[in-house]
Amino acid sequence: HIRFEDYSQGMGFVASFLLLFLEPAKTEEIIRCVNSDPKFIPGYWKNEAVGFATDAYVFGYLLAERRPRLAHHLSACYMQPEMYCQKWFTALCVHVLPFEYVFDFLDGFFRLGFRFLFQFALALMDALEPRLLDTTNPGELLALLRLDRDVVGTSLDYAAIIKDAYAIDVNHYDYPAL
């Protein structure tokens, strides 16, 4: 909080994960870059995370374009993007993916920036779509979307989801306009 003049639980998760493998100075350097460079997620790690909320709704737009039936279903079940994107976007999947896949996720994020968040989220929704469409129970929907292992089980191939994310083209969008 002192160094960044704000605090976000997501930043705490990411910093804690990085500190498992990196020196504190390197971790702080990475956190500063992610928190300020437009390539990454400025405005996400704030008490009032306007940057995150804005991008969550941008994701909602992308999902409606790619998977209109699923987007409509989630909306009809009162699932708004800022409710379920938080763990993927602000915490960079640190506490929803099994650790062995967090490294691959972060590799994509550090190479491609915020666009990889959209690519990953769209690939994840592709994989979850049949199960999400099968329920209208908000609790079950949120458990699936936060990748709760007790609900998802072992049925998701996270390596394939991350690989598939790279094939999703999100570069042609005018993000400031969205």
N, C-alpha and C. Protein backbone atom coordinates (compact mmCIF):
# COMPACT_ATOMS: atom_id res chain seq x y z
N HIS A 1 0.83 -1.19 0.00
CA HIS A 1 0.00 0.00 0.00
C HIS A 1 0.87 1.26 0.00
N ILE A 2 1.93 1.27 0.78
CA ILE A 2 2.79 2.45 0.86
C ILE A 2 3.45 2.72 -0.48
N ARG A 3 4.00 1.70 -1.12
CA ARG A 3 4.71 1.90 -2.37
C ARG A 3 3.78 2.20 -3.54
N PHE A 4 2.56 1.64 -3.54
CA PHE A 4 1.66 1.79 -4.68
C PHE A 4 0.52 2.75 -4.43
N GLU A 5 0.43 3.25 -3.20
CA GLU A 5 -0.60 4.20 -2.80
C GLU A 5 -2.02 3.67 -3.02
N ASP A 6 -2.14 2.38 -3.01
CA ASP A 6 -3.43 1.72 -3.13
C ASP A 6 -3.19 0.24 -2.88
N TYR A 7 -4.25 -0.55 -2.81
CA TYR A 7 -4.10 -1.97 -2.58
C TYR A 7 -5.23 -2.72 -3.27
N SER A 8 -4.88 -3.86 -3.80
CA SER A 8 -5.85 -4.76 -4.39
C SER A 8 -5.49 -6.18 -3.96
N GLN A 9 -6.47 -6.95 -3.63
CA GLN A 9 -6.21 -8.33 -3.25
C GLN A 9 -5.53 -9.08 -4.40
N GLY A 10 -5.94 -8.78 -5.63
CA GLY A 10 -5.33 -9.42 -6.79
C GLY A 10 -3.83 -9.17 -6.85
N MET A 11 -3.42 -7.93 -6.59
CA MET A 11 -2.00 -7.61 -6.58
C MET A 11 -1.30 -8.42 -5.48
N GLY A 12 -1.94 -8.57 -4.35
CA GLY A 12 -1.36 -9.36 -3.27
C GLY A 12 -1.15 -10.81 -3.67
N PHE A 13 -2.13 -11.39 -4.37
CA PHE A 13 -1.99 -12.77 -4.84
C PHE A 13 -0.83 -12.91 -5.82
N VAL A 14 -0.76 -11.99 -6.77
CA VAL A 14 0.29 -12.06 -7.79
C VAL A 14 1.66 -11.85 -7.15
N ALA A 15 1.79 -10.86 -6.29
CA ALA A 15 3.07 -10.60 -5.62
C ALA A 15 3.48 -11.81 -4.78
N SER A 16 2.54 -12.39 -4.05
CA SER A 16 2.86 -13.56 -3.22
C SER A 16 3.35 -14.72 -4.07
N PHE A 17 2.69 -14.95 -5.20
CA PHE A 17 3.11 -16.03 -6.10
C PHE A 17 4.52 -15.76 -6.62
N LEU A 18 4.77 -14.54 -7.10
CA LEU A 18 6.09 -14.22 -7.64
C LEU A 18 7.18 -14.34 -6.57
N LEU A 19 6.85 -13.98 -5.33
CA LEU A 19 7.84 -14.06 -4.25
C LEU A 19 8.24 -15.49 -3.92
N LEU A 20 7.44 -16.47 -4.35
CA LEU A 20 7.85 -17.86 -4.17
C LEU A 20 9.07 -18.20 -5.01
N PHE A 21 9.30 -17.43 -6.09
CA PHE A 21 10.35 -17.78 -7.04
C PHE A 21 11.36 -16.68 -7.30
N LEU A 22 11.03 -15.44 -6.92
CA LEU A 22 11.89 -14.30 -7.25
C LEU A 22 12.26 -13.52 -5.99
N GLU A 23 13.32 -12.77 -6.10
CA GLU A 23 13.74 -11.88 -5.02
C GLU A 23 12.72 -10.74 -4.89
N PRO A 24 12.56 -10.18 -3.70
CA PRO A 24 11.59 -9.09 -3.51
C PRO A 24 11.78 -7.91 -4.46
N ALA A 25 13.01 -7.52 -4.74
CA ALA A 25 13.25 -6.38 -5.64
C ALA A 25 12.74 -6.68 -7.05
N LYS A 26 12.97 -7.89 -7.53
CA LYS A 26 12.50 -8.28 -8.87
C LYS A 26 10.97 -8.36 -8.90
N THR A 27 10.39 -8.90 -7.84
CA THR A 27 8.94 -8.96 -7.74
C THR A 27 8.34 -7.57 -7.77
N GLU A 28 8.91 -6.65 -7.00
CA GLU A 28 8.39 -5.29 -6.99
C GLU A 28 8.52 -4.64 -8.37
N GLU A 29 9.61 -4.89 -9.04
CA GLU A 29 9.81 -4.34 -10.40
C GLU A 29 8.72 -4.85 -11.35
N ILE A 30 8.43 -6.13 -11.27
CA ILE A 30 7.39 -6.72 -12.13
C ILE A 30 6.02 -6.15 -11.78
N ILE A 31 5.71 -6.08 -10.49
CA ILE A 31 4.42 -5.56 -10.06
C ILE A 31 4.26 -4.11 -10.52
N ARG A 32 5.31 -3.31 -10.38
CA ARG A 32 5.25 -1.91 -10.84
C ARG A 32 4.97 -1.83 -12.33
N CYS A 33 5.64 -2.65 -13.10
CA CYS A 33 5.45 -2.65 -14.56
C CYS A 33 4.02 -3.08 -14.92
N VAL A 34 3.56 -4.17 -14.35
CA VAL A 34 2.21 -4.67 -14.63
C VAL A 34 1.16 -3.63 -14.24
N ASN A 35 1.44 -2.91 -13.16
CA ASN A 35 0.49 -1.94 -12.62
C ASN A 35 0.50 -0.60 -13.36
N SER A 36 1.52 -0.34 -14.17
CA SER A 36 1.60 0.98 -14.81
C SER A 36 1.72 0.96 -16.32
N ASP A 37 2.28 -0.07 -16.89
CA ASP A 37 2.50 -0.12 -18.34
C ASP A 37 1.18 -0.40 -19.06
N PRO A 38 0.81 0.42 -20.06
CA PRO A 38 -0.45 0.21 -20.79
C PRO A 38 -0.55 -1.16 -21.48
N LYS A 39 0.58 -1.82 -21.67
CA LYS A 39 0.55 -3.18 -22.25
C LYS A 39 -0.13 -4.15 -21.29
N PHE A 40 -0.09 -3.84 -20.00
CA PHE A 40 -0.58 -4.77 -19.00
C PHE A 40 -1.91 -4.31 -18.41
N ILE A 41 -1.98 -4.09 -17.11
CA ILE A 41 -3.28 -3.85 -16.48
C ILE A 41 -3.30 -2.62 -15.56
N PRO A 42 -2.91 -1.47 -16.05
CA PRO A 42 -3.02 -0.28 -15.19
C PRO A 42 -4.50 -0.02 -14.86
N GLY A 43 -4.73 0.38 -13.63
CA GLY A 43 -6.11 0.64 -13.21
C GLY A 43 -6.85 -0.57 -12.68
N TYR A 44 -6.20 -1.72 -12.67
CA TYR A 44 -6.84 -2.93 -12.13
C TYR A 44 -6.62 -3.03 -10.62
N TRP A 45 -5.41 -2.72 -10.18
CA TRP A 45 -5.04 -2.92 -8.79
C TRP A 45 -5.27 -1.65 -7.98
N LYS A 46 -6.52 -1.28 -7.88
CA LYS A 46 -6.94 -0.09 -7.14
C LYS A 46 -8.12 -0.46 -6.26
N ASN A 47 -8.31 0.34 -5.23
CA ASN A 47 -9.47 0.16 -4.37
C ASN A 47 -10.75 0.27 -5.21
N GLU A 48 -10.78 1.25 -6.08
CA GLU A 48 -11.87 1.39 -7.05
C GLU A 48 -11.28 1.03 -8.41
N ALA A 49 -11.40 -0.22 -8.77
CA ALA A 49 -10.72 -0.76 -9.94
C ALA A 49 -11.50 -0.49 -11.23
N VAL A 50 -11.52 0.75 -11.63
CA VAL A 50 -12.25 1.16 -12.84
C VAL A 50 -11.67 0.47 -14.07
N GLY A 51 -10.34 0.36 -14.14
CA GLY A 51 -9.71 -0.31 -15.27
C GLY A 51 -10.17 -1.75 -15.42
N PHE A 52 -10.20 -2.46 -14.29
CA PHE A 52 -10.68 -3.84 -14.33
C PHE A 52 -12.15 -3.91 -14.75
N ALA A 53 -13.00 -3.10 -14.11
CA ALA A 53 -14.44 -3.15 -14.41
C ALA A 53 -14.70 -2.84 -15.88
N THR A 54 -13.97 -1.87 -16.40
CA THR A 54 -14.12 -1.52 -17.82
C THR A 54 -13.74 -2.71 -18.70
N ASP A 55 -12.60 -3.33 -18.41
CA ASP A 55 -12.18 -4.46 -19.22
C ASP A 55 -13.08 -5.68 -19.04
N ALA A 56 -13.68 -5.83 -17.89
CA ALA A 56 -14.63 -6.93 -17.70
C ALA A 56 -15.80 -6.76 -18.67
N TYR A 57 -16.27 -5.53 -18.82
CA TYR A 57 -17.37 -5.30 -19.76
C TYR A 57 -16.91 -5.39 -21.21
N VAL A 58 -15.65 -5.04 -21.47
CA VAL A 58 -15.10 -5.28 -22.81
C VAL A 58 -15.11 -6.79 -23.08
N PHE A 59 -14.71 -7.58 -22.08
CA PHE A 59 -14.78 -9.02 -22.26
C PHE A 59 -16.21 -9.48 -22.53
N GLY A 60 -17.17 -8.90 -21.82
CA GLY A 60 -18.58 -9.24 -22.07
C GLY A 60 -18.96 -8.99 -23.52
N TYR A 61 -18.48 -7.90 -24.08
CA TYR A 61 -18.73 -7.58 -25.49
C TYR A 61 -18.09 -8.64 -26.39
N LEU A 62 -16.83 -8.99 -26.11
CA LEU A 62 -16.13 -9.99 -26.92
C LEU A 62 -16.82 -11.35 -26.83
N LEU A 63 -17.26 -11.70 -25.62
CA LEU A 63 -17.96 -12.97 -25.44
C LEU A 63 -19.27 -12.98 -26.22
N ALA A 64 -20.02 -11.88 -26.18
CA ALA A 64 -21.29 -11.81 -26.90
C ALA A 64 -21.07 -11.93 -28.40
N GLU A 65 -19.96 -11.42 -28.87
CA GLU A 65 -19.64 -11.53 -30.29
C GLU A 65 -19.25 -12.96 -30.66
N ARG A 66 -18.46 -13.61 -29.80
CA ARG A 66 -17.95 -14.95 -30.09
C ARG A 66 -18.95 -16.05 -29.73
N ARG A 67 -19.59 -15.91 -28.59
CA ARG A 67 -20.51 -16.91 -28.08
C ARG A 67 -21.80 -16.24 -27.63
N PRO A 68 -22.64 -15.76 -28.58
CA PRO A 68 -23.83 -14.99 -28.19
C PRO A 68 -24.80 -15.77 -27.30
N ARG A 69 -24.98 -17.03 -27.58
CA ARG A 69 -25.90 -17.83 -26.76
C ARG A 69 -25.42 -17.90 -25.31
N LEU A 70 -24.14 -18.13 -25.12
CA LEU A 70 -23.58 -18.21 -23.78
C LEU A 70 -23.66 -16.85 -23.08
N ALA A 71 -23.32 -15.79 -23.77
CA ALA A 71 -23.38 -14.45 -23.18
C ALA A 71 -24.81 -14.13 -22.74
N HIS A 72 -25.77 -14.47 -23.57
CA HIS A 72 -27.17 -14.22 -23.22
C HIS A 72 -27.58 -15.05 -22.00
N HIS A 73 -27.17 -16.30 -21.99
CA HIS A 73 -27.49 -17.19 -20.86
C HIS A 73 -26.93 -16.64 -19.56
N LEU A 74 -25.67 -16.24 -19.57
CA LEU A 74 -25.05 -15.70 -18.35
C LEU A 74 -25.78 -14.44 -17.90
N SER A 75 -26.09 -13.58 -18.83
CA SER A 75 -26.81 -12.34 -18.50
C SER A 75 -28.19 -12.66 -17.93
N ALA A 76 -28.89 -13.61 -18.52
CA ALA A 76 -30.21 -14.00 -18.04
C ALA A 76 -30.15 -14.60 -16.63
N CYS A 77 -28.99 -15.15 -16.27
CA CYS A 77 -28.78 -15.71 -14.93
C CYS A 77 -28.14 -14.69 -13.99
N TYR A 78 -28.12 -13.43 -14.42
CA TYR A 78 -27.58 -12.32 -13.62
C TYR A 78 -26.09 -12.44 -13.34
N MET A 79 -25.38 -13.07 -14.25
CA MET A 79 -23.92 -13.18 -14.14
C MET A 79 -23.31 -12.08 -15.00
N GLN A 80 -22.84 -11.03 -14.35
CA GLN A 80 -22.20 -9.92 -15.05
C GLN A 80 -20.69 -10.15 -15.09
N PRO A 81 -20.02 -9.72 -16.16
CA PRO A 81 -18.59 -10.03 -16.32
C PRO A 81 -17.71 -9.64 -15.13
N GLU A 82 -18.00 -8.51 -14.48
CA GLU A 82 -17.12 -8.13 -13.36
C GLU A 82 -17.26 -9.08 -12.18
N MET A 83 -18.30 -9.90 -12.16
CA MET A 83 -18.48 -10.88 -11.09
C MET A 83 -17.53 -12.07 -11.26
N TYR A 84 -17.26 -12.45 -12.49
CA TYR A 84 -16.49 -13.68 -12.69
C TYR A 84 -15.12 -13.47 -13.33
N CYS A 85 -14.85 -12.32 -13.90
CA CYS A 85 -13.54 -12.07 -14.52
C CYS A 85 -12.47 -11.70 -13.50
N GLN A 86 -12.87 -11.31 -12.32
CA GLN A 86 -11.93 -10.78 -11.35
C GLN A 86 -10.78 -11.74 -11.05
N LYS A 87 -11.08 -12.98 -10.82
CA LYS A 87 -10.03 -13.93 -10.47
C LYS A 87 -9.11 -14.22 -11.65
N TRP A 88 -9.61 -14.08 -12.86
CA TRP A 88 -8.77 -14.29 -14.04
C TRP A 88 -7.94 -13.05 -14.33
N PHE A 89 -8.59 -11.87 -14.24
CA PHE A 89 -7.95 -10.64 -14.68
C PHE A 89 -7.11 -9.98 -13.59
N THR A 90 -7.66 -9.71 -12.42
CA THR A 90 -6.89 -8.97 -11.42
C THR A 90 -5.89 -9.86 -10.69
N ALA A 91 -6.22 -11.12 -10.51
CA ALA A 91 -5.30 -12.03 -9.81
C ALA A 91 -4.50 -12.88 -10.80
N LEU A 92 -4.65 -12.61 -12.09
CA LEU A 92 -3.91 -13.31 -13.14
C LEU A 92 -3.94 -14.83 -12.96
N CYS A 93 -5.08 -15.34 -12.59
CA CYS A 93 -5.36 -16.78 -12.45
C CYS A 93 -4.53 -17.49 -11.40
N VAL A 94 -3.80 -16.73 -10.56
CA VAL A 94 -2.91 -17.34 -9.58
C VAL A 94 -3.63 -18.31 -8.66
N HIS A 95 -4.83 -18.01 -8.25
CA HIS A 95 -5.49 -18.92 -7.31
C HIS A 95 -6.69 -19.66 -7.89
N VAL A 96 -6.77 -19.69 -9.22
CA VAL A 96 -7.82 -20.51 -9.83
C VAL A 96 -7.25 -21.62 -10.72
N LEU A 97 -6.09 -21.40 -11.30
CA LEU A 97 -5.47 -22.46 -12.09
C LEU A 97 -4.57 -23.31 -11.20
N PRO A 98 -4.47 -24.60 -11.50
CA PRO A 98 -3.46 -25.40 -10.82
C PRO A 98 -2.08 -24.76 -11.07
N PHE A 99 -1.20 -24.75 -10.07
CA PHE A 99 0.07 -24.03 -10.17
C PHE A 99 0.86 -24.37 -11.43
N GLU A 100 0.84 -25.63 -11.85
CA GLU A 100 1.65 -25.99 -13.02
C GLU A 100 1.20 -25.25 -14.28
N TYR A 101 -0.03 -24.74 -14.29
CA TYR A 101 -0.52 -23.99 -15.45
C TYR A 101 -0.43 -22.48 -15.27
N VAL A 102 -0.23 -22.04 -14.04
CA VAL A 102 -0.09 -20.59 -13.80
C VAL A 102 1.14 -20.08 -14.55
N PHE A 103 2.21 -20.85 -14.59
CA PHE A 103 3.42 -20.43 -15.28
C PHE A 103 3.14 -20.21 -16.78
N ASP A 104 2.41 -21.13 -17.40
CA ASP A 104 2.09 -20.99 -18.82
C ASP A 104 1.17 -19.80 -19.05
N PHE A 105 0.22 -19.60 -18.15
CA PHE A 105 -0.67 -18.45 -18.24
C PHE A 105 0.14 -17.15 -18.15
N LEU A 106 1.00 -17.06 -17.14
CA LEU A 106 1.81 -15.84 -16.96
C LEU A 106 2.76 -15.62 -18.13
N ASP A 107 3.25 -16.68 -18.71
CA ASP A 107 4.11 -16.54 -19.89
C ASP A 107 3.34 -15.83 -21.01
N GLY A 108 2.11 -16.26 -21.25
CA GLY A 108 1.28 -15.60 -22.26
C GLY A 108 0.97 -14.16 -21.89
N PHE A 109 0.66 -13.92 -20.63
CA PHE A 109 0.35 -12.57 -20.18
C PHE A 109 1.56 -11.65 -20.32
N PHE A 110 2.73 -12.09 -19.89
CA PHE A 110 3.91 -11.22 -19.96
C PHE A 110 4.34 -10.98 -21.41
N ARG A 111 4.10 -11.92 -22.29
CA ARG A 111 4.45 -11.72 -23.70
C ARG A 111 3.44 -10.84 -24.42
N LEU A 112 2.14 -11.07 -24.18
CA LEU A 112 1.11 -10.41 -24.97
C LEU A 112 0.35 -9.31 -24.24
N GLY A 113 0.51 -9.23 -22.94
CA GLY A 113 -0.16 -8.19 -22.17
C GLY A 113 -1.63 -8.47 -21.95
N PHE A 114 -2.39 -7.39 -21.75
CA PHE A 114 -3.81 -7.52 -21.39
C PHE A 114 -4.60 -8.30 -22.42
N ARG A 115 -4.19 -8.27 -23.68
CA ARG A 115 -4.92 -9.00 -24.71
C ARG A 115 -4.97 -10.50 -24.41
N PHE A 116 -3.90 -11.01 -23.78
CA PHE A 116 -3.90 -12.43 -23.44
C PHE A 116 -4.99 -12.76 -22.42
N LEU A 117 -5.32 -11.81 -21.56
CA LEU A 117 -6.42 -12.04 -20.62
C LEU A 117 -7.71 -12.33 -21.38
N PHE A 118 -7.97 -11.55 -22.42
CA PHE A 118 -9.17 -11.76 -23.23
C PHE A 118 -9.08 -13.08 -23.99
N GLN A 119 -7.93 -13.37 -24.54
CA GLN A 119 -7.76 -14.62 -25.28
C GLN A 119 -7.99 -15.82 -24.36
N PHE A 120 -7.36 -15.78 -23.20
CA PHE A 120 -7.53 -16.88 -22.25
C PHE A 120 -8.99 -17.01 -21.82
N ALA A 121 -9.61 -15.90 -21.46
CA ALA A 121 -10.99 -15.94 -20.98
C ALA A 121 -11.93 -16.48 -22.05
N LEU A 122 -11.72 -16.10 -23.30
CA LEU A 122 -12.55 -16.61 -24.39
C LEU A 122 -12.32 -18.11 -24.59
N ALA A 123 -11.06 -18.55 -24.55
CA ALA A 123 -10.77 -19.98 -24.69
C ALA A 123 -11.37 -20.77 -23.52
N LEU A 124 -11.30 -20.21 -22.33
CA LEU A 124 -11.89 -20.86 -21.17
C LEU A 124 -13.40 -20.98 -21.33
N MET A 125 -14.04 -19.93 -21.81
CA MET A 125 -15.49 -19.97 -22.02
C MET A 125 -15.86 -20.99 -23.10
N ASP A 126 -15.01 -21.12 -24.12
CA ASP A 126 -15.25 -22.15 -25.12
C ASP A 126 -15.29 -23.52 -24.45
N ALA A 127 -14.35 -23.76 -23.55
CA ALA A 127 -14.26 -25.06 -22.88
C ALA A 127 -15.40 -25.28 -21.88
N LEU A 128 -15.82 -24.21 -21.22
CA LEU A 128 -16.86 -24.33 -20.19
C LEU A 128 -18.28 -24.23 -20.73
N GLU A 129 -18.44 -23.77 -21.96
CA GLU A 129 -19.77 -23.46 -22.48
C GLU A 129 -20.82 -24.56 -22.26
N PRO A 130 -20.56 -25.80 -22.61
CA PRO A 130 -21.62 -26.82 -22.41
C PRO A 130 -22.07 -26.91 -20.96
N ARG A 131 -21.14 -26.87 -20.03
CA ARG A 131 -21.51 -26.98 -18.61
C ARG A 131 -22.22 -25.73 -18.12
N LEU A 132 -21.79 -24.57 -18.59
CA LEU A 132 -22.44 -23.32 -18.18
C LEU A 132 -23.87 -23.25 -18.70
N LEU A 133 -24.08 -23.72 -19.93
CA LEU A 133 -25.42 -23.70 -20.51
C LEU A 133 -26.35 -24.72 -19.84
N ASP A 134 -25.77 -25.69 -19.16
CA ASP A 134 -26.57 -26.74 -18.51
C ASP A 134 -27.18 -26.32 -17.18
N THR A 135 -26.82 -25.15 -16.66
CA THR A 135 -27.35 -24.75 -15.36
C THR A 135 -27.77 -23.28 -15.35
N THR A 136 -28.75 -23.01 -14.53
CA THR A 136 -29.16 -21.62 -14.28
C THR A 136 -28.91 -21.26 -12.82
N ASN A 137 -28.34 -22.18 -12.06
CA ASN A 137 -28.06 -21.96 -10.65
C ASN A 137 -26.87 -21.01 -10.52
N PRO A 138 -27.08 -19.81 -9.96
CA PRO A 138 -25.99 -18.83 -9.87
C PRO A 138 -24.78 -19.34 -9.10
N GLY A 139 -25.01 -20.09 -8.04
CA GLY A 139 -23.90 -20.63 -7.27
C GLY A 139 -23.04 -21.59 -8.08
N GLU A 140 -23.70 -22.46 -8.82
CA GLU A 140 -22.97 -23.41 -9.66
C GLU A 140 -22.26 -22.69 -10.80
N LEU A 141 -22.93 -21.70 -11.39
CA LEU A 141 -22.29 -20.93 -12.47
C LEU A 141 -21.02 -20.25 -11.96
N LEU A 142 -21.11 -19.60 -10.81
CA LEU A 142 -19.93 -18.92 -10.27
C LEU A 142 -18.84 -19.92 -9.89
N ALA A 143 -19.22 -21.07 -9.37
CA ALA A 143 -18.22 -22.10 -9.03
C ALA A 143 -17.50 -22.58 -10.29
N LEU A 144 -18.24 -22.78 -11.36
CA LEU A 144 -17.60 -23.17 -12.63
C LEU A 144 -16.68 -22.07 -13.13
N LEU A 145 -17.15 -20.83 -13.07
CA LEU A 145 -16.38 -19.72 -13.60
C LEU A 145 -15.14 -19.40 -12.77
N ARG A 146 -15.15 -19.73 -11.49
CA ARG A 146 -13.94 -19.52 -10.68
C ARG A 146 -13.09 -20.79 -10.65
N LEU A 147 -13.47 -21.75 -11.48
CA LEU A 147 -12.74 -23.01 -11.65
C LEU A 147 -12.60 -23.78 -10.35
N ASP A 148 -13.65 -23.77 -9.56
CA ASP A 148 -13.70 -24.50 -8.30
C ASP A 148 -13.51 -25.98 -8.60
N ARG A 149 -12.45 -26.55 -8.08
CA ARG A 149 -12.10 -27.94 -8.40
C ARG A 149 -13.18 -28.93 -7.98
N ASP A 150 -13.92 -28.62 -6.92
CA ASP A 150 -14.99 -29.53 -6.49
C ASP A 150 -16.13 -29.58 -7.49
N VAL A 151 -16.31 -28.52 -8.27
CA VAL A 151 -17.39 -28.47 -9.26
C VAL A 151 -16.86 -28.82 -10.65
N VAL A 152 -15.71 -28.27 -11.01
CA VAL A 152 -15.14 -28.50 -12.34
C VAL A 152 -14.58 -29.92 -12.44
N GLY A 153 -14.00 -30.39 -11.35
CA GLY A 153 -13.36 -31.70 -11.37
C GLY A 153 -12.08 -31.65 -12.18
N THR A 154 -11.78 -32.74 -12.84
CA THR A 154 -10.56 -32.82 -13.64
C THR A 154 -10.88 -32.79 -15.13
N SER A 155 -12.07 -32.32 -15.47
CA SER A 155 -12.52 -32.40 -16.87
C SER A 155 -11.92 -31.34 -17.77
N LEU A 156 -11.30 -30.31 -17.22
CA LEU A 156 -10.75 -29.25 -18.07
C LEU A 156 -9.28 -29.52 -18.38
N ASP A 157 -8.94 -29.39 -19.64
CA ASP A 157 -7.56 -29.54 -20.08
C ASP A 157 -6.97 -28.13 -20.15
N TYR A 158 -6.37 -27.70 -19.04
CA TYR A 158 -5.87 -26.33 -18.95
C TYR A 158 -4.76 -26.06 -19.96
N ALA A 159 -3.93 -27.05 -20.23
CA ALA A 159 -2.87 -26.87 -21.22
C ALA A 159 -3.48 -26.57 -22.59
N ALA A 160 -4.53 -27.28 -22.94
CA ALA A 160 -5.20 -27.04 -24.23
C ALA A 160 -5.89 -25.68 -24.25
N ILE A 161 -6.48 -25.27 -23.13
CA ILE A 161 -7.15 -23.97 -23.07
C ILE A 161 -6.13 -22.86 -23.29
N ILE A 162 -4.99 -22.94 -22.63
CA ILE A 162 -3.95 -21.92 -22.80
C ILE A 162 -3.42 -21.94 -24.23
N LYS A 163 -3.22 -23.12 -24.78
CA LYS A 163 -2.76 -23.24 -26.16
C LYS A 163 -3.80 -22.64 -27.12
N ASP A 164 -5.06 -22.96 -26.91
CA ASP A 164 -6.13 -22.44 -27.76
C ASP A 164 -6.25 -20.92 -27.66
N ALA A 165 -5.92 -20.38 -26.51
CA ALA A 165 -6.01 -18.92 -26.32
C ALA A 165 -5.15 -18.18 -27.34
N TYR A 166 -3.97 -18.71 -27.62
CA TYR A 166 -3.07 -18.04 -28.56
C TYR A 166 -3.67 -17.93 -29.97
N ALA A 167 -4.56 -18.83 -30.33
CA ALA A 167 -5.16 -18.84 -31.67
C ALA A 167 -6.33 -17.87 -31.80
N ILE A 168 -6.81 -17.31 -30.71
CA ILE A 168 -7.95 -16.39 -30.76
C ILE A 168 -7.44 -15.00 -31.06
N ASP A 169 -7.90 -14.45 -32.17
CA ASP A 169 -7.45 -13.12 -32.61
C ASP A 169 -8.26 -12.04 -31.92
N VAL A 170 -7.58 -11.26 -31.09
CA VAL A 170 -8.22 -10.13 -30.43
C VAL A 170 -7.49 -8.82 -30.73
N ASN A 171 -6.62 -8.85 -31.73
CA ASN A 171 -5.80 -7.69 -32.03
C ASN A 171 -6.50 -6.64 -32.87
N HIS A 172 -7.59 -6.96 -33.51
CA HIS A 172 -8.24 -6.02 -34.43
C HIS A 172 -9.24 -5.08 -33.74
N TYR A 173 -9.42 -5.23 -32.46
CA TYR A 173 -10.38 -4.39 -31.75
C TYR A 173 -9.77 -3.05 -31.36
N ASP A 174 -10.61 -2.03 -31.34
CA ASP A 174 -10.22 -0.71 -30.86
C ASP A 174 -10.58 -0.68 -29.38
N TYR A 175 -9.65 -1.08 -28.53
CA TYR A 175 -9.94 -1.20 -27.10
C TYR A 175 -10.34 0.10 -26.43
N PRO A 176 -9.69 1.22 -26.73
CA PRO A 176 -10.17 2.46 -26.10
C PRO A 176 -11.63 2.78 -26.48
N ALA A 177 -12.01 2.47 -27.70
CA ALA A 177 -13.41 2.71 -28.11
C ALA A 177 -14.36 1.76 -27.38
N LEU A 178 -13.95 0.51 -27.25
CA LEU A 178 -14.80 -0.45 -26.53
C LEU A 178 -14.93 -0.04 -25.09
